[in-house]
Amino acid sequence: MRQYVLIAQDRPAIDAYPDPEAPIHFESIGCTLLLREVYDKAEFEAPGQPT
């Protein structure tokens, strides 16, 4: 997967998400991150599991 896009049906909004392995560049602050680095130490419950 290279990218996925969510298009809202109830308002004018589009959210685009990159491939988790692709770098995300924030030009305004001169920073580049990988999504996996942002969530490196986060633990998520499996889908469908109670919270």
Protein backbone atom coordinates (compact mmCIF):
# COMPACT_ATOMS: atom_id res chain seq x y z
CA MET A 1 0.00 0.00 0.00
CA ARG A 2 1.35 3.41 -0.90
CA GLN A 3 -1.37 5.64 0.47
CA TYR A 4 -4.98 5.63 1.54
CA VAL A 5 -7.52 8.42 1.46
CA LEU A 6 -10.66 9.04 3.53
CA ILE A 7 -13.30 11.27 1.93
CA ALA A 8 -15.99 12.61 4.25
CA GLN A 9 -19.60 12.23 3.15
CA ASP A 10 -21.07 14.77 5.57
CA ARG A 11 -18.63 17.67 5.16
CA PRO A 12 -15.99 18.90 2.70
CA ALA A 13 -12.93 17.08 4.04
CA ILE A 14 -10.32 14.69 2.68
CA ASP A 15 -7.67 12.99 4.83
CA ALA A 16 -4.71 11.33 3.13
CA TYR A 17 -2.45 8.87 4.93
CA PRO A 18 0.92 7.82 3.54
CA ASP A 19 2.51 4.43 3.47
CA PRO A 20 3.76 3.78 7.04
CA GLU A 21 7.26 3.32 5.64
CA ALA A 22 7.27 6.60 3.68
CA PRO A 23 8.80 9.67 5.32
CA ILE A 24 6.46 12.53 6.21
CA HIS A 25 8.10 15.93 5.75
CA PHE A 26 6.90 18.95 7.74
CA GLU A 27 8.36 21.78 5.70
CA SER A 28 7.22 24.53 8.10
CA ILE A 29 9.45 23.18 10.89
CA GLY A 30 12.12 21.43 8.81
CA CYS A 31 11.36 17.98 10.22
CA THR A 32 10.96 14.56 8.62
CA LEU A 33 9.37 11.63 10.48
CA LEU A 34 8.41 8.06 9.78
CA LEU A 35 4.99 7.02 11.06
CA ARG A 36 6.52 3.94 12.69
CA GLU A 37 8.90 6.19 14.65
CA VAL A 38 6.02 8.29 16.00
CA TYR A 39 4.24 5.18 17.33
CA ASP A 40 7.41 3.20 18.16
CA LYS A 41 6.62 2.60 21.83
CA ALA A 42 2.82 2.74 21.60
CA GLU A 43 0.81 -0.38 22.33
CA PHE A 44 -2.53 -0.83 20.63
CA GLU A 45 -5.22 -3.37 21.40
CA ALA A 46 -6.14 -5.79 18.67
CA PRO A 47 -9.17 -4.72 16.58
CA GLY A 48 -12.42 -5.99 18.04
CA GLN A 49 -11.06 -6.24 21.58
CA PRO A 50 -12.90 -4.42 24.39
CA THR A 51 -11.20 -1.30 25.72
